[in-house]
Amino acid sequence: MTIKAIIFDVDGTLADTEDGHRKSFNKAFTESGLAWNWDVALYDKLLKVTGGKERIKHFVETCLPDFSKPADYDGFVKNLHAVKTRHYTNMLGEGHIPLRPGIKQLMADARNHGIRLAIATTTTPENVTALLQQGLGADGESWFEVIGCGDIVPHKKPAPDIYFWVLEKMRLSAADCIALEDSENGLRSALAAGIKTFVTINQYTRNQNFAGAAAVFDDLSDLSGFYRAAGFPLPKQ
């Protein structure tokens, strides 16, 4: 297999962002006058739902059956999520969420070999931009030929929609690409699109089911091991 492109998930894959998201949700709840708190154990369960707005709604439906929804409930959720995104991008801008080990080097090696880069994520464009600029520099977004994020497709992971969208934009077949994910939902999404998928686990996903993954790593500290597993060309000296 000759790899033409690597498609990256963002949250938990490029950086250990999930606890930053959790803390930002809690800040948004406090700012909005809501006595809600998502601890690590609860957030672990909520992560089974992809998408921040969807996660808020799931929390209300499953944990707050007596919550009196405002007339414009969708607007309420959208605004609450926007407040959370502001807190999260501030956290990124302050340098509190660095890229995971090996990620930047993997991207640099891929670019040196003419391998195209793309992103397929459910997180918001603002979050993606802030993370890439913090981790890769002001031109971080330019490293990626296609960035698929947010609500641009009707169904979020584990549906394959976002991967199909990225493949279409890149005019590549699934067989030309590999994907890098961190969660079972992400893995199912990429596999459903027919893409060979590698997983790097984190504290929230390490006990999930990764059946079907090409390989599972703790992280990419040992890039040579990942390159061997992926059939990736060795870095040029």
Protein backbone atom coordinates (compact mmCIF):
# COMPACT_ATOMS: atom_id res chain seq x y z
CA MET A 1 0.00 0.00 0.00
CA THR A 2 1.31 3.42 -0.99
CA ILE A 3 0.01 6.03 1.40
CA LYS A 4 -1.15 9.18 -0.37
CA ALA A 5 -2.79 10.89 2.60
CA ILE A 6 -3.16 10.74 6.37
CA ILE A 7 -6.48 11.84 7.82
CA PHE A 8 -6.32 12.94 11.46
CA ASP A 9 -8.97 13.14 14.13
CA VAL A 10 -8.39 16.09 16.49
CA ASP A 11 -9.63 15.73 20.07
CA GLY A 12 -7.61 13.12 21.92
CA THR A 13 -5.60 12.34 18.79
CA LEU A 14 -3.63 15.49 17.98
CA ALA A 15 -3.65 16.58 21.62
CA ASP A 16 -5.02 15.39 24.97
CA THR A 17 -7.87 17.85 24.71
CA GLU A 18 -10.72 16.03 26.39
CA ASP A 19 -10.04 17.21 29.94
CA GLY A 20 -9.69 20.74 28.59
CA HIS A 21 -13.11 20.36 27.01
CA ARG A 22 -14.54 19.01 30.28
CA LYS A 23 -13.20 21.94 32.30
CA SER A 24 -14.44 24.40 29.66
CA PHE A 25 -17.94 22.92 29.79
CA ASN A 26 -17.92 23.39 33.57
CA LYS A 27 -16.78 27.01 33.22
CA ALA A 28 -19.58 27.62 30.72
CA PHE A 29 -22.14 26.10 33.09
CA THR A 30 -20.95 28.33 35.94
CA GLU A 31 -20.93 31.44 33.76
CA SER A 32 -24.45 30.63 32.58
CA GLY A 33 -25.75 30.23 36.12
CA LEU A 34 -26.21 26.47 35.89
CA ALA A 35 -25.40 24.26 38.88
CA TRP A 36 -24.06 21.51 36.63
CA ASN A 37 -20.70 19.83 36.99
CA TRP A 38 -19.14 17.16 34.80
CA ASP A 39 -16.56 15.19 36.74
CA VAL A 40 -14.14 12.79 35.05
CA ALA A 41 -16.34 9.71 35.57
CA LEU A 42 -19.42 11.40 34.12
CA TYR A 43 -17.53 12.93 31.21
CA ASP A 44 -16.12 9.51 30.39
CA LYS A 45 -19.70 8.33 29.86
CA LEU A 46 -20.75 11.47 27.98
CA LEU A 47 -17.89 11.05 25.51
CA LYS A 48 -19.82 8.16 23.97
CA VAL A 49 -21.85 10.94 22.34
CA THR A 50 -19.91 12.86 19.70
CA GLY A 51 -20.36 16.60 19.30
CA GLY A 52 -20.52 19.16 22.11
CA LYS A 53 -24.09 20.34 21.52
CA GLU A 54 -25.24 16.74 21.21
CA ARG A 55 -23.42 15.91 24.44
CA ILE A 56 -25.21 18.70 26.33
CA LYS A 57 -28.60 17.48 25.08
CA HIS A 58 -27.79 13.90 25.99
CA PHE A 59 -26.80 15.01 29.50
CA VAL A 60 -30.07 16.88 29.96
CA GLU A 61 -32.15 13.97 28.66
CA THR A 62 -30.42 11.28 30.72
CA CYS A 63 -29.35 13.09 33.90
CA LEU A 64 -31.79 15.98 34.32
CA PRO A 65 -35.30 14.68 33.60
CA ASP A 66 -36.86 17.53 35.61
CA PHE A 67 -34.91 20.30 33.86
CA SER A 68 -37.28 22.97 32.57
CA LYS A 69 -36.18 23.58 29.01
CA PRO A 70 -36.37 27.18 27.75
CA ALA A 71 -38.68 27.95 24.85
CA ASP A 72 -35.75 28.15 22.43
CA TYR A 73 -33.98 25.05 23.69
CA ASP A 74 -31.80 24.66 20.59
CA GLY A 75 -30.73 28.30 20.93
CA PHE A 76 -29.98 27.76 24.61
CA VAL A 77 -27.76 24.77 23.83
CA LYS A 78 -26.06 26.57 20.95
CA ASN A 79 -25.25 29.59 23.14
CA LEU A 80 -24.03 27.40 26.01
CA HIS A 81 -21.73 25.57 23.62
CA ALA A 82 -20.45 28.87 22.23
CA VAL A 83 -19.52 30.00 25.77
CA LYS A 84 -17.74 26.69 26.30
CA THR A 85 -15.84 27.11 23.01
CA ARG A 86 -14.65 30.56 24.11
CA HIS A 87 -13.25 29.15 27.35
CA TYR A 88 -11.63 26.27 25.48
CA THR A 89 -9.93 28.42 22.83
CA ASN A 90 -8.66 30.70 25.61
CA MET A 91 -7.13 27.65 27.29
CA LEU A 92 -5.49 26.64 24.00
CA GLY A 93 -4.18 30.14 23.43
CA GLU A 94 -2.52 30.10 26.83
CA GLY A 95 -0.57 26.99 25.80
CA HIS A 96 -2.20 24.60 28.26
CA ILE A 97 -2.91 21.87 25.68
CA PRO A 98 0.22 20.85 23.71
CA LEU A 99 0.25 18.38 20.83
CA ARG A 100 0.70 14.73 21.77
CA PRO A 101 4.15 13.09 21.43
CA GLY A 102 5.27 12.45 17.86
CA ILE A 103 2.35 14.20 16.18
CA LYS A 104 4.19 17.25 14.84
CA GLN A 105 7.12 15.10 13.65
CA LEU A 106 4.73 12.70 11.90
CA MET A 107 3.15 15.60 10.05
CA ALA A 108 6.54 17.04 9.10
CA ASP A 109 7.79 13.65 7.85
CA ALA A 110 4.62 13.14 5.83
CA ARG A 111 4.94 16.53 4.17
CA ASN A 112 8.59 15.84 3.35
CA HIS A 113 7.48 12.70 1.51
CA GLY A 114 4.66 14.40 -0.36
CA ILE A 115 1.97 12.67 1.69
CA ARG A 116 -1.11 14.85 1.92
CA LEU A 117 -2.68 15.76 5.27
CA ALA A 118 -6.33 16.21 6.19
CA ILE A 119 -8.57 16.44 9.25
CA ALA A 120 -11.86 14.69 9.96
CA THR A 121 -13.38 15.73 13.28
CA THR A 122 -16.65 16.60 14.98
CA THR A 123 -15.20 19.52 16.92
CA THR A 124 -15.85 23.13 15.93
CA PRO A 125 -13.77 25.07 13.37
CA GLU A 126 -12.76 27.51 16.13
CA ASN A 127 -11.33 24.69 18.23
CA VAL A 128 -9.42 23.22 15.30
CA THR A 129 -7.95 26.58 14.29
CA ALA A 130 -6.85 27.41 17.83
CA LEU A 131 -5.20 24.01 18.35
CA LEU A 132 -3.36 24.03 15.02
CA GLN A 133 -2.08 27.57 15.47
CA GLN A 134 -0.92 26.83 18.99
CA GLY A 135 0.74 23.53 18.09
CA LEU A 136 2.09 24.23 14.59
CA GLY A 137 2.36 28.01 14.40
CA ALA A 138 0.32 30.78 12.80
CA ASP A 139 0.21 28.90 9.48
CA GLY A 140 -0.85 25.61 11.12
CA GLU A 141 -4.02 25.29 9.07
CA SER A 142 -2.02 25.46 5.84
CA TRP A 143 -0.40 22.12 6.65
CA PHE A 144 -3.73 20.47 5.82
CA GLU A 145 -5.20 20.25 2.36
CA VAL A 146 -8.72 19.61 3.67
CA ILE A 147 -10.19 20.30 7.12
CA GLY A 148 -13.52 18.63 7.77
CA CYS A 149 -15.02 19.70 11.10
CA GLY A 150 -18.09 20.76 13.01
CA ASP A 151 -21.56 20.48 11.54
CA ILE A 152 -20.71 20.27 7.84
CA VAL A 153 -22.16 16.77 7.56
CA PRO A 154 -25.58 15.60 8.83
CA HIS A 155 -24.35 12.71 10.97
CA LYS A 156 -21.37 12.76 13.30
CA LYS A 157 -19.07 9.90 14.25
CA PRO A 158 -19.48 6.90 14.43
CA ALA A 159 -21.24 7.61 11.12
CA PRO A 160 -18.70 7.78 8.27
CA ASP A 161 -20.07 11.04 6.80
CA ILE A 162 -17.11 13.26 7.74
CA TYR A 163 -14.62 10.81 6.24
CA PHE A 164 -16.61 10.49 3.02
CA TRP A 165 -16.70 14.31 2.85
CA VAL A 166 -12.91 14.56 3.25
CA LEU A 167 -12.25 11.81 0.69
CA GLU A 168 -14.51 13.56 -1.81
CA LYS A 169 -12.79 16.92 -1.29
CA MET A 170 -9.34 15.30 -1.71
CA ARG A 171 -10.51 13.20 -4.68
CA LEU A 172 -8.94 10.13 -3.16
CA SER A 173 -10.21 6.63 -2.54
CA ALA A 174 -10.26 5.13 0.93
CA ALA A 175 -7.53 2.70 -0.14
CA ASP A 176 -5.15 5.64 -0.71
CA CYS A 177 -5.40 6.83 2.91
CA ILE A 178 -4.85 5.91 6.50
CA ALA A 179 -6.66 7.48 9.45
CA LEU A 180 -5.45 8.24 12.96
CA GLU A 181 -8.07 8.12 15.72
CA ASP A 182 -8.24 7.82 19.50
CA SER A 183 -11.73 6.48 20.20
CA GLU A 184 -14.06 3.65 19.32
CA ASN A 185 -16.53 6.07 17.72
CA GLY A 186 -13.74 7.51 15.58
CA LEU A 187 -12.48 4.07 14.62
CA ARG A 188 -15.98 2.94 13.61
CA SER A 189 -16.40 6.10 11.53
CA ALA A 190 -13.15 5.65 9.60
CA LEU A 191 -13.63 1.90 9.12
CA ALA A 192 -17.16 2.46 7.82
CA ALA A 193 -15.62 4.71 5.19
CA GLY A 194 -13.23 1.88 4.27
CA ILE A 195 -10.08 3.54 5.60
CA LYS A 196 -7.26 1.62 7.28
CA THR A 197 -7.19 3.08 10.79
CA PHE A 198 -4.60 3.34 13.55
CA VAL A 199 -5.48 4.25 17.12
CA THR A 200 -3.59 6.18 19.81
CA ILE A 201 -5.40 5.75 23.11
CA ASN A 202 -5.77 8.25 25.97
CA GLN A 203 -7.12 8.23 29.53
CA TYR A 204 -10.72 8.37 28.36
CA THR A 205 -10.52 5.76 25.61
CA ARG A 206 -8.01 3.14 26.74
CA ASN A 207 -10.73 0.63 27.73
CA GLN A 208 -12.80 0.97 24.57
CA ASN A 209 -13.19 -1.70 21.88
CA PHE A 210 -10.71 -1.20 19.03
CA ALA A 211 -11.46 -4.37 17.09
CA GLY A 212 -10.68 -3.73 13.43
CA ALA A 213 -7.90 -1.21 14.05
CA ALA A 214 -4.72 -1.81 12.07
CA ALA A 215 -2.74 -1.23 15.30
CA VAL A 216 -3.24 0.42 18.68
CA PHE A 217 -0.56 2.59 20.34
CA ASP A 218 -0.33 4.39 23.67
CA ASP A 219 1.03 7.36 21.73
CA LEU A 220 3.49 8.07 18.92
CA SER A 221 6.60 8.48 21.06
CA ASP A 222 8.12 5.63 19.05
CA LEU A 223 7.44 6.92 15.55
CA SER A 224 9.61 4.25 13.95
CA GLY A 225 7.28 1.59 15.36
CA PHE A 226 4.28 3.39 13.89
CA TYR A 227 6.02 3.79 10.53
CA ARG A 228 6.75 0.07 10.37
CA ALA A 229 3.14 -0.80 11.23
CA ALA A 230 1.74 1.69 8.74
CA GLY A 231 4.13 0.92 5.90
CA PHE A 232 5.20 4.53 6.07
CA PRO A 233 8.42 5.51 4.25
CA LEU A 234 11.34 6.11 6.59
CA PRO A 235 12.16 9.79 7.19
CA LYS A 236 14.71 11.27 4.82
CA GLN A 237 18.05 11.85 6.47
